[in-house]
């Protein structure tokens, strides 16, 4: 489950994917170009085609499956012929949160991948248009709702407000990039 969770989290966060989008990704939706993977996301809730790129693919071994689905069940140390279902995708963030010993792992649901993707992108200083493109959101309000309060953004604001001085090299304490779903 650990390897599957890592792969699902990578795809989910890189593509800001919903659980049903992850389930629909097939082998044909993935193109390997040099050291990157180009992933086409099947049409979903927004009925808009999207794609994303995964870099540093040395951790992924090409495997040929009898099925066309990308994510298949792995039980008793063997691949099965059954695709992973949407409910299993919804449970993976909980399993990751437990593995990382995060507080309240029950708050980590299938939306964590989209929330983590949006927050990580916002932390880099991306503008709202980039954020909307990443998540496939039409509304700025909806896109902003997925971004968690960010210490990185608060530190950048503080640096803009306060003049340069001895605190210029302040570093943010390391925090989990995996985001729980909050109401």
N, C-alpha and C. Protein backbone atom coordinates (compact mmCIF):
# COMPACT_ATOMS: atom_id res chain seq x y z
N UNK A 1 0.83 -1.20 0.00
CA UNK A 1 0.00 0.00 0.00
C UNK A 1 0.87 1.25 0.00
N UNK A 2 2.07 1.15 0.61
CA UNK A 2 2.94 2.32 0.70
C UNK A 2 3.36 2.83 -0.68
N UNK A 3 3.74 1.91 -1.59
CA UNK A 3 4.16 2.31 -2.93
C UNK A 3 2.99 2.86 -3.72
N UNK A 4 1.83 2.23 -3.60
CA UNK A 4 0.64 2.72 -4.29
C UNK A 4 0.28 4.10 -3.77
N UNK A 5 0.32 4.30 -2.46
CA UNK A 5 -0.01 5.59 -1.87
C UNK A 5 0.93 6.68 -2.37
N UNK A 6 2.21 6.37 -2.48
CA UNK A 6 3.19 7.34 -2.96
C UNK A 6 2.88 7.73 -4.41
N UNK A 7 2.57 6.76 -5.23
CA UNK A 7 2.26 7.01 -6.63
C UNK A 7 0.95 7.79 -6.75
N UNK A 8 -0.08 7.41 -6.02
CA UNK A 8 -1.36 8.10 -6.06
C UNK A 8 -1.19 9.54 -5.57
N UNK A 9 -0.44 9.74 -4.49
CA UNK A 9 -0.21 11.09 -3.98
C UNK A 9 0.53 11.94 -5.01
N UNK A 10 1.52 11.37 -5.67
CA UNK A 10 2.27 12.10 -6.69
C UNK A 10 1.35 12.55 -7.82
N UNK A 11 0.55 11.63 -8.32
CA UNK A 11 -0.38 11.97 -9.41
C UNK A 11 -1.45 12.94 -8.91
N UNK A 12 -1.99 12.66 -7.73
CA UNK A 12 -3.07 13.50 -7.20
C UNK A 12 -2.65 14.93 -6.95
N UNK A 13 -1.46 15.12 -6.39
CA UNK A 13 -0.98 16.47 -6.10
C UNK A 13 -0.48 17.16 -7.36
N UNK A 14 0.27 16.46 -8.19
CA UNK A 14 0.79 17.07 -9.42
C UNK A 14 -0.34 17.53 -10.33
N UNK A 15 -1.43 16.78 -10.37
CA UNK A 15 -2.53 17.12 -11.26
C UNK A 15 -3.74 17.73 -10.58
N UNK A 16 -3.67 17.96 -9.26
CA UNK A 16 -4.81 18.45 -8.49
C UNK A 16 -6.05 17.61 -8.82
N UNK A 17 -5.86 16.30 -8.78
CA UNK A 17 -6.89 15.36 -9.24
C UNK A 17 -7.93 15.03 -8.19
N UNK A 18 -9.14 14.87 -8.66
CA UNK A 18 -10.22 14.32 -7.84
C UNK A 18 -10.07 12.80 -7.85
N UNK A 19 -10.71 12.13 -6.91
CA UNK A 19 -10.56 10.68 -6.82
C UNK A 19 -11.10 9.97 -8.05
N UNK A 20 -12.20 10.48 -8.63
CA UNK A 20 -12.74 9.83 -9.83
C UNK A 20 -11.83 10.06 -11.04
N UNK A 21 -11.11 11.18 -11.06
CA UNK A 21 -10.15 11.43 -12.14
C UNK A 21 -8.99 10.45 -12.04
N UNK A 22 -8.51 10.22 -10.82
CA UNK A 22 -7.43 9.26 -10.62
C UNK A 22 -7.86 7.87 -11.08
N UNK A 23 -9.09 7.51 -10.76
CA UNK A 23 -9.58 6.18 -11.11
C UNK A 23 -9.70 6.00 -12.62
N UNK A 24 -9.98 7.08 -13.35
CA UNK A 24 -10.19 6.99 -14.80
C UNK A 24 -8.89 7.06 -15.61
N UNK A 25 -7.77 7.41 -14.98
CA UNK A 25 -6.52 7.51 -15.72
C UNK A 25 -6.14 6.12 -16.24
N UNK A 26 -5.86 6.05 -17.53
CA UNK A 26 -5.48 4.79 -18.15
C UNK A 26 -4.03 4.87 -18.64
N UNK A 27 -3.52 3.73 -19.02
CA UNK A 27 -2.16 3.66 -19.56
C UNK A 27 -2.03 4.58 -20.78
N UNK A 28 -3.08 4.63 -21.60
CA UNK A 28 -3.06 5.46 -22.80
C UNK A 28 -3.01 6.95 -22.50
N UNK A 29 -3.37 7.35 -21.27
CA UNK A 29 -3.36 8.76 -20.88
C UNK A 29 -1.97 9.23 -20.44
N UNK A 30 -1.01 8.32 -20.38
CA UNK A 30 0.32 8.64 -19.89
C UNK A 30 1.34 8.47 -21.00
N UNK A 31 2.10 9.53 -21.24
CA UNK A 31 3.13 9.50 -22.27
C UNK A 31 4.47 9.80 -21.62
N UNK A 32 5.43 8.92 -21.85
CA UNK A 32 6.77 9.12 -21.31
C UNK A 32 7.62 9.82 -22.36
N UNK A 33 8.13 11.01 -22.02
CA UNK A 33 8.97 11.79 -22.92
C UNK A 33 10.27 12.09 -22.17
N UNK A 34 11.31 11.36 -22.52
CA UNK A 34 12.57 11.53 -21.80
C UNK A 34 12.39 11.15 -20.35
N UNK A 35 12.68 12.10 -19.47
CA UNK A 35 12.58 11.82 -18.03
C UNK A 35 11.30 12.39 -17.41
N UNK A 36 10.31 12.71 -18.23
CA UNK A 36 9.05 13.22 -17.69
C UNK A 36 7.88 12.36 -18.14
N UNK A 37 6.82 12.42 -17.38
CA UNK A 37 5.55 11.80 -17.75
C UNK A 37 4.56 12.90 -18.03
N UNK A 38 3.91 12.84 -19.18
CA UNK A 38 2.82 13.76 -19.50
C UNK A 38 1.53 12.98 -19.30
N UNK A 39 0.68 13.47 -18.41
CA UNK A 39 -0.54 12.76 -18.05
C UNK A 39 -1.76 13.58 -18.48
N UNK A 40 -2.61 12.98 -19.30
CA UNK A 40 -3.88 13.60 -19.67
C UNK A 40 -4.93 13.12 -18.68
N UNK A 41 -5.67 14.06 -18.10
CA UNK A 41 -6.71 13.72 -17.14
C UNK A 41 -8.02 13.56 -17.92
N UNK A 42 -8.66 12.40 -17.80
CA UNK A 42 -9.94 12.21 -18.48
C UNK A 42 -10.97 13.24 -18.03
N UNK A 43 -11.89 13.56 -18.90
CA UNK A 43 -12.93 14.54 -18.57
C UNK A 43 -13.62 14.15 -17.27
N UNK A 44 -13.94 15.16 -16.48
CA UNK A 44 -14.58 14.87 -15.20
C UNK A 44 -15.64 15.91 -14.89
N UNK A 45 -15.71 16.33 -13.68
CA UNK A 45 -16.74 17.22 -13.18
C UNK A 45 -16.87 18.50 -14.01
N UNK A 46 -15.75 19.09 -14.40
CA UNK A 46 -15.79 20.35 -15.14
C UNK A 46 -15.92 20.13 -16.64
N UNK A 47 -15.87 18.88 -17.08
CA UNK A 47 -15.97 18.52 -18.50
C UNK A 47 -14.93 19.26 -19.34
N UNK A 48 -13.77 19.50 -18.72
CA UNK A 48 -12.68 20.22 -19.38
C UNK A 48 -11.45 19.33 -19.39
N UNK A 49 -10.82 19.19 -20.55
CA UNK A 49 -9.62 18.38 -20.62
C UNK A 49 -8.46 19.09 -19.92
N UNK A 50 -7.71 18.33 -19.15
CA UNK A 50 -6.56 18.87 -18.45
C UNK A 50 -5.40 17.89 -18.61
N UNK A 51 -4.21 18.40 -18.38
CA UNK A 51 -3.03 17.53 -18.36
C UNK A 51 -2.04 18.10 -17.37
N UNK A 52 -1.10 17.27 -16.97
CA UNK A 52 -0.04 17.72 -16.07
C UNK A 52 1.21 16.91 -16.35
N UNK A 53 2.31 17.37 -15.79
CA UNK A 53 3.60 16.73 -16.00
C UNK A 53 4.17 16.28 -14.67
N UNK A 54 4.78 15.11 -14.67
CA UNK A 54 5.51 14.63 -13.50
C UNK A 54 6.97 14.51 -13.92
N UNK A 55 7.83 15.18 -13.15
CA UNK A 55 9.26 15.12 -13.42
C UNK A 55 9.91 14.11 -12.49
N UNK A 56 11.18 13.84 -12.70
CA UNK A 56 11.93 12.93 -11.85
C UNK A 56 11.25 11.56 -11.80
N UNK A 57 11.11 10.95 -12.96
CA UNK A 57 10.35 9.70 -13.06
C UNK A 57 11.19 8.46 -12.80
N UNK A 58 12.38 8.60 -12.30
CA UNK A 58 13.23 7.41 -12.10
C UNK A 58 12.65 6.44 -11.09
N UNK A 59 11.68 6.91 -10.28
CA UNK A 59 11.06 6.03 -9.28
C UNK A 59 9.93 5.19 -9.85
N UNK A 60 9.58 5.42 -11.12
CA UNK A 60 8.48 4.69 -11.72
C UNK A 60 9.02 3.71 -12.74
N UNK A 61 8.68 2.47 -12.58
CA UNK A 61 9.14 1.43 -13.49
C UNK A 61 8.02 1.14 -14.48
N UNK A 62 8.32 1.15 -15.79
CA UNK A 62 7.26 0.84 -16.75
C UNK A 62 6.78 -0.60 -16.57
N UNK A 63 5.49 -0.77 -16.46
CA UNK A 63 4.88 -2.08 -16.27
C UNK A 63 3.78 -2.22 -17.32
N UNK A 64 3.72 -3.37 -17.94
CA UNK A 64 2.66 -3.62 -18.92
C UNK A 64 1.56 -4.39 -18.23
N UNK A 65 0.34 -3.87 -18.30
CA UNK A 65 -0.81 -4.49 -17.66
C UNK A 65 -1.73 -5.10 -18.70
N UNK A 66 -2.47 -6.09 -18.28
CA UNK A 66 -3.50 -6.66 -19.15
C UNK A 66 -4.68 -5.70 -19.26
N UNK A 67 -4.87 -4.88 -18.27
CA UNK A 67 -5.95 -3.89 -18.29
C UNK A 67 -5.39 -2.57 -18.80
N UNK A 68 -6.27 -1.68 -19.21
CA UNK A 68 -5.84 -0.38 -19.68
C UNK A 68 -5.77 0.63 -18.54
N UNK A 69 -6.25 0.30 -17.36
CA UNK A 69 -6.22 1.23 -16.24
C UNK A 69 -4.81 1.35 -15.70
N UNK A 70 -4.49 2.51 -15.15
CA UNK A 70 -3.15 2.72 -14.61
C UNK A 70 -3.03 2.22 -13.18
N UNK A 71 -4.00 2.57 -12.34
CA UNK A 71 -3.96 2.18 -10.94
C UNK A 71 -4.75 0.89 -10.75
N UNK A 72 -4.05 -0.21 -10.49
CA UNK A 72 -4.71 -1.49 -10.25
C UNK A 72 -4.42 -1.95 -8.82
N UNK A 73 -5.29 -2.82 -8.32
CA UNK A 73 -5.13 -3.33 -6.96
C UNK A 73 -3.88 -4.18 -6.84
N UNK A 74 -3.29 -4.11 -5.68
CA UNK A 74 -2.11 -4.89 -5.34
C UNK A 74 -2.40 -5.54 -4.00
N UNK A 75 -2.61 -6.85 -4.01
CA UNK A 75 -2.95 -7.58 -2.78
C UNK A 75 -2.09 -8.82 -2.67
N UNK A 76 -1.72 -9.13 -1.45
CA UNK A 76 -0.90 -10.32 -1.19
C UNK A 76 0.35 -10.34 -2.07
N UNK A 77 0.96 -9.17 -2.22
CA UNK A 77 2.19 -8.99 -2.98
C UNK A 77 2.05 -9.37 -4.45
N UNK A 78 0.83 -9.22 -5.00
CA UNK A 78 0.58 -9.50 -6.41
C UNK A 78 -0.39 -8.46 -6.96
N UNK A 79 -0.21 -8.13 -8.24
CA UNK A 79 -1.16 -7.26 -8.93
C UNK A 79 -2.39 -8.08 -9.28
N UNK A 80 -3.55 -7.48 -9.12
CA UNK A 80 -4.79 -8.16 -9.49
C UNK A 80 -5.26 -7.60 -10.82
N UNK A 81 -6.36 -8.10 -11.32
CA UNK A 81 -6.92 -7.59 -12.58
C UNK A 81 -8.00 -6.55 -12.33
N UNK A 82 -8.13 -6.14 -11.08
CA UNK A 82 -9.16 -5.19 -10.71
C UNK A 82 -8.58 -3.79 -10.54
N UNK A 83 -9.26 -2.80 -11.07
CA UNK A 83 -8.83 -1.40 -10.91
C UNK A 83 -9.12 -0.93 -9.49
N UNK A 84 -8.33 0.02 -9.01
CA UNK A 84 -8.60 0.63 -7.71
C UNK A 84 -9.85 1.49 -7.86
N UNK A 85 -10.77 1.38 -6.92
CA UNK A 85 -12.02 2.13 -6.97
C UNK A 85 -11.91 3.50 -6.32
N UNK A 86 -12.91 4.34 -6.57
CA UNK A 86 -12.90 5.71 -6.04
C UNK A 86 -12.88 5.73 -4.52
N UNK A 87 -13.54 4.77 -3.87
CA UNK A 87 -13.55 4.75 -2.41
C UNK A 87 -12.17 4.43 -1.83
N UNK A 88 -11.41 3.61 -2.52
CA UNK A 88 -10.04 3.32 -2.09
C UNK A 88 -9.17 4.56 -2.24
N UNK A 89 -9.34 5.29 -3.35
CA UNK A 89 -8.60 6.54 -3.52
C UNK A 89 -8.92 7.52 -2.39
N UNK A 90 -10.17 7.54 -1.96
CA UNK A 90 -10.58 8.44 -0.88
C UNK A 90 -9.91 8.08 0.45
N UNK A 91 -9.54 6.80 0.63
CA UNK A 91 -8.93 6.34 1.89
C UNK A 91 -7.42 6.53 1.91
N UNK A 92 -6.80 6.70 0.76
CA UNK A 92 -5.33 6.80 0.70
C UNK A 92 -4.78 7.99 1.49
N UNK A 93 -5.39 9.19 1.43
CA UNK A 93 -4.86 10.29 2.25
C UNK A 93 -4.87 9.97 3.75
N UNK A 94 -5.90 9.26 4.20
CA UNK A 94 -5.97 8.85 5.60
C UNK A 94 -4.78 7.93 5.94
N UNK A 95 -4.49 6.98 5.04
CA UNK A 95 -3.37 6.06 5.26
C UNK A 95 -2.04 6.82 5.28
N UNK A 96 -1.90 7.79 4.40
CA UNK A 96 -0.67 8.60 4.37
C UNK A 96 -0.54 9.40 5.66
N UNK A 97 -1.63 10.02 6.10
CA UNK A 97 -1.61 10.81 7.34
C UNK A 97 -1.25 9.95 8.54
N UNK A 98 -1.77 8.72 8.58
CA UNK A 98 -1.41 7.80 9.66
C UNK A 98 0.07 7.46 9.60
N UNK A 99 0.57 7.15 8.40
CA UNK A 99 1.98 6.80 8.22
C UNK A 99 2.89 7.95 8.66
N UNK A 100 2.48 9.19 8.38
CA UNK A 100 3.28 10.37 8.73
C UNK A 100 3.06 10.81 10.18
N UNK A 101 2.19 10.11 10.90
CA UNK A 101 1.85 10.43 12.29
C UNK A 101 1.32 11.85 12.43
N UNK A 102 0.46 12.25 11.49
CA UNK A 102 -0.15 13.57 11.55
C UNK A 102 -1.34 13.53 12.50
N UNK A 103 -1.63 14.68 13.09
CA UNK A 103 -2.77 14.76 14.00
C UNK A 103 -4.07 14.61 13.21
N UNK A 104 -5.05 13.99 13.83
CA UNK A 104 -6.38 13.82 13.26
C UNK A 104 -6.36 13.24 11.84
N UNK A 105 -5.81 12.05 11.66
CA UNK A 105 -5.73 11.49 10.31
C UNK A 105 -7.10 11.29 9.65
N UNK A 106 -8.16 11.21 10.45
CA UNK A 106 -9.50 11.04 9.88
C UNK A 106 -9.95 12.27 9.08
N UNK A 107 -9.28 13.40 9.25
CA UNK A 107 -9.63 14.61 8.49
C UNK A 107 -9.02 14.62 7.09
N UNK A 108 -8.18 13.66 6.79
CA UNK A 108 -7.52 13.60 5.48
C UNK A 108 -8.36 12.73 4.54
N UNK A 109 -8.96 13.38 3.54
CA UNK A 109 -9.87 12.70 2.62
C UNK A 109 -9.34 12.82 1.20
N UNK A 110 -10.14 12.38 0.25
CA UNK A 110 -9.75 12.43 -1.15
C UNK A 110 -9.47 13.84 -1.67
N UNK A 111 -10.01 14.86 -1.01
CA UNK A 111 -9.76 16.24 -1.44
C UNK A 111 -8.37 16.75 -1.05
N UNK A 112 -7.66 16.00 -0.23
CA UNK A 112 -6.34 16.43 0.20
C UNK A 112 -5.40 16.67 -0.96
N UNK A 113 -5.52 15.86 -2.01
CA UNK A 113 -4.61 16.01 -3.14
C UNK A 113 -4.82 17.36 -3.83
N UNK A 114 -6.08 17.75 -4.02
CA UNK A 114 -6.37 19.04 -4.66
C UNK A 114 -5.95 20.19 -3.75
N UNK A 115 -6.26 20.07 -2.46
CA UNK A 115 -5.91 21.13 -1.50
C UNK A 115 -4.38 21.26 -1.40
N UNK A 116 -3.67 20.14 -1.34
CA UNK A 116 -2.21 20.17 -1.25
C UNK A 116 -1.62 20.78 -2.51
N UNK A 117 -2.15 20.41 -3.66
CA UNK A 117 -1.66 20.95 -4.93
C UNK A 117 -1.85 22.46 -4.98
N UNK A 118 -3.05 22.92 -4.63
CA UNK A 118 -3.34 24.36 -4.66
C UNK A 118 -2.46 25.13 -3.67
N UNK A 119 -2.29 24.60 -2.48
CA UNK A 119 -1.49 25.28 -1.46
C UNK A 119 -0.02 25.32 -1.84
N UNK A 120 0.50 24.20 -2.33
CA UNK A 120 1.91 24.17 -2.75
C UNK A 120 2.16 25.16 -3.88
N UNK A 121 1.24 25.23 -4.84
CA UNK A 121 1.38 26.17 -5.95
C UNK A 121 1.30 27.61 -5.45
N UNK A 122 0.36 27.90 -4.56
CA UNK A 122 0.24 29.25 -4.00
C UNK A 122 1.49 29.63 -3.20
N UNK A 123 2.07 28.66 -2.51
CA UNK A 123 3.29 28.92 -1.73
C UNK A 123 4.46 29.35 -2.60
N UNK A 124 4.44 28.98 -3.88
CA UNK A 124 5.53 29.37 -4.77
C UNK A 124 5.34 30.78 -5.31
N UNK A 125 4.20 31.40 -4.99
CA UNK A 125 3.93 32.75 -5.47
C UNK A 125 3.11 32.77 -6.74
N UNK A 126 2.52 31.64 -7.12
CA UNK A 126 1.71 31.58 -8.32
C UNK A 126 0.51 32.52 -8.19
N UNK A 127 0.11 33.11 -9.31
CA UNK A 127 -1.05 33.99 -9.27
C UNK A 127 -2.35 33.18 -9.40
N UNK A 128 -3.48 33.87 -9.25
CA UNK A 128 -4.77 33.18 -9.22
C UNK A 128 -5.08 32.51 -10.56
N UNK A 129 -4.61 33.07 -11.66
CA UNK A 129 -4.85 32.46 -12.97
C UNK A 129 -4.14 31.11 -13.07
N UNK A 130 -2.89 31.04 -12.61
CA UNK A 130 -2.17 29.76 -12.60
C UNK A 130 -2.87 28.75 -11.71
N UNK A 131 -3.34 29.21 -10.58
CA UNK A 131 -4.04 28.34 -9.64
C UNK A 131 -5.33 27.79 -10.25
N UNK A 132 -6.09 28.65 -10.93
CA UNK A 132 -7.32 28.22 -11.57
C UNK A 132 -7.04 27.22 -12.69
N UNK A 133 -5.97 27.43 -13.43
CA UNK A 133 -5.61 26.49 -14.49
C UNK A 133 -5.25 25.13 -13.91
N UNK A 134 -4.47 25.13 -12.86
CA UNK A 134 -4.02 23.88 -12.25
C UNK A 134 -5.19 23.03 -11.79
N UNK A 135 -6.15 23.64 -11.12
CA UNK A 135 -7.27 22.88 -10.57
C UNK A 135 -8.46 22.79 -11.50
N UNK A 136 -8.40 23.50 -12.63
CA UNK A 136 -9.53 23.49 -13.55
C UNK A 136 -10.73 24.25 -13.02
N UNK A 137 -10.49 25.23 -12.15
CA UNK A 137 -11.57 26.01 -11.57
C UNK A 137 -11.89 27.21 -12.45
N UNK A 138 -13.17 27.53 -12.60
CA UNK A 138 -13.58 28.72 -13.34
C UNK A 138 -13.66 29.91 -12.40
N UNK A 139 -14.01 29.66 -11.17
CA UNK A 139 -14.22 30.72 -10.18
C UNK A 139 -12.96 30.94 -9.34
N UNK A 140 -12.60 32.21 -9.18
CA UNK A 140 -11.46 32.56 -8.31
C UNK A 140 -11.78 32.23 -6.86
N UNK A 141 -13.03 32.42 -6.47
CA UNK A 141 -13.44 32.14 -5.09
C UNK A 141 -13.26 30.67 -4.75
N UNK A 142 -13.67 29.79 -5.67
CA UNK A 142 -13.51 28.36 -5.43
C UNK A 142 -12.02 28.01 -5.35
N UNK A 143 -11.22 28.53 -6.27
CA UNK A 143 -9.78 28.26 -6.27
C UNK A 143 -9.15 28.72 -4.97
N UNK A 144 -9.49 29.91 -4.52
CA UNK A 144 -8.93 30.45 -3.28
C UNK A 144 -9.35 29.62 -2.07
N UNK A 145 -10.53 29.01 -2.14
CA UNK A 145 -11.02 28.18 -1.04
C UNK A 145 -10.19 26.93 -0.81
N UNK A 146 -9.44 26.51 -1.82
CA UNK A 146 -8.60 25.32 -1.68
C UNK A 146 -7.23 25.64 -1.10
N UNK A 147 -6.86 26.90 -1.01
CA UNK A 147 -5.53 27.26 -0.54
C UNK A 147 -5.56 27.44 0.98
N UNK A 148 -4.72 26.69 1.64
CA UNK A 148 -4.60 26.79 3.10
C UNK A 148 -3.82 28.05 3.48
N UNK A 149 -4.00 28.48 4.71
CA UNK A 149 -3.16 29.55 5.23
C UNK A 149 -1.72 29.08 5.15
N UNK A 150 -0.87 29.92 4.63
CA UNK A 150 0.50 29.50 4.36
C UNK A 150 1.49 30.34 5.15
N UNK A 151 2.35 29.67 5.90
CA UNK A 151 3.40 30.39 6.61
C UNK A 151 4.37 31.04 5.63
N UNK A 152 4.60 30.40 4.48
CA UNK A 152 5.49 30.96 3.48
C UNK A 152 4.95 32.29 2.96
N UNK A 153 3.65 32.34 2.67
CA UNK A 153 3.05 33.59 2.20
C UNK A 153 3.07 34.65 3.28
N UNK A 154 2.80 34.27 4.53
CA UNK A 154 2.82 35.23 5.63
C UNK A 154 4.23 35.79 5.83
N UNK A 155 5.25 34.94 5.68
CA UNK A 155 6.62 35.40 5.81
C UNK A 155 6.97 36.37 4.69
N UNK A 156 6.53 36.09 3.48
CA UNK A 156 6.78 37.01 2.37
C UNK A 156 6.13 38.37 2.60
N UNK A 157 4.90 38.38 3.14
CA UNK A 157 4.23 39.63 3.46
C UNK A 157 5.01 40.38 4.54
N UNK A 158 5.45 39.66 5.57
CA UNK A 158 6.22 40.30 6.64
C UNK A 158 7.51 40.91 6.11
N UNK A 159 8.16 40.23 5.19
CA UNK A 159 9.40 40.77 4.60
C UNK A 159 9.13 42.03 3.79
N UNK A 160 7.94 42.11 3.18
CA UNK A 160 7.59 43.29 2.41
C UNK A 160 7.25 44.46 3.33
N UNK A 161 6.65 44.18 4.47
CA UNK A 161 6.24 45.24 5.40
C UNK A 161 7.42 45.78 6.20
N UNK A 162 8.26 44.89 6.70
CA UNK A 162 9.36 45.31 7.56
C UNK A 162 10.63 45.52 6.75
N UNK A 163 11.39 46.53 7.09
CA UNK A 163 12.62 46.82 6.34
C UNK A 163 13.66 45.72 6.54
N UNK A 164 14.59 45.61 5.58
CA UNK A 164 15.67 44.61 5.72
C UNK A 164 16.44 44.82 7.02
N UNK A 165 16.88 43.75 7.58
CA UNK A 165 17.63 43.84 8.82
C UNK A 165 18.21 42.50 9.19
N UNK A 166 18.40 42.32 10.48
CA UNK A 166 19.07 41.11 10.94
C UNK A 166 18.22 39.86 10.77
N UNK A 167 16.93 40.01 10.56
CA UNK A 167 16.06 38.84 10.41
C UNK A 167 15.83 38.44 8.95
N UNK A 168 16.68 38.91 8.05
CA UNK A 168 16.50 38.61 6.62
C UNK A 168 16.55 37.13 6.30
N UNK A 169 17.29 36.37 7.07
CA UNK A 169 17.46 34.95 6.76
C UNK A 169 16.55 34.05 7.57
N UNK A 170 15.41 34.57 8.00
CA UNK A 170 14.46 33.78 8.78
C UNK A 170 13.93 32.65 7.91
N UNK A 171 13.95 31.45 8.46
CA UNK A 171 13.45 30.27 7.75
C UNK A 171 12.16 29.82 8.40
N UNK A 172 11.27 29.30 7.59
CA UNK A 172 10.00 28.79 8.10
C UNK A 172 10.22 27.38 8.62
N UNK A 173 9.67 27.08 9.80
CA UNK A 173 9.79 25.71 10.30
C UNK A 173 9.17 24.75 9.29
N UNK A 174 9.78 23.58 9.15
CA UNK A 174 9.27 22.59 8.21
C UNK A 174 7.91 22.11 8.66
N UNK A 175 6.96 22.11 7.73
CA UNK A 175 5.62 21.64 8.02
C UNK A 175 5.22 20.65 6.93
N UNK A 176 4.25 19.84 7.25
CA UNK A 176 3.77 18.87 6.27
C UNK A 176 3.15 19.60 5.09
N UNK A 177 3.45 19.13 3.89
CA UNK A 177 2.84 19.72 2.70
C UNK A 177 1.53 19.01 2.37
N UNK A 178 1.22 17.99 3.10
CA UNK A 178 -0.01 17.24 2.89
C UNK A 178 -1.09 17.94 3.68
N UNK A 179 -2.14 18.39 3.04
CA UNK A 179 -3.15 19.24 3.67
C UNK A 179 -4.42 18.49 4.01
N UNK A 180 -4.88 18.66 5.26
CA UNK A 180 -6.13 18.06 5.66
C UNK A 180 -7.29 18.88 5.10
N UNK A 181 -8.44 18.29 5.05
CA UNK A 181 -9.62 18.99 4.60
C UNK A 181 -10.28 19.62 5.82
N UNK A 182 -10.44 20.93 5.76
CA UNK A 182 -11.08 21.63 6.86
C UNK A 182 -12.33 22.34 6.35
N UNK A 183 -13.26 22.53 7.24
CA UNK A 183 -14.50 23.23 6.85
C UNK A 183 -14.44 24.67 7.25
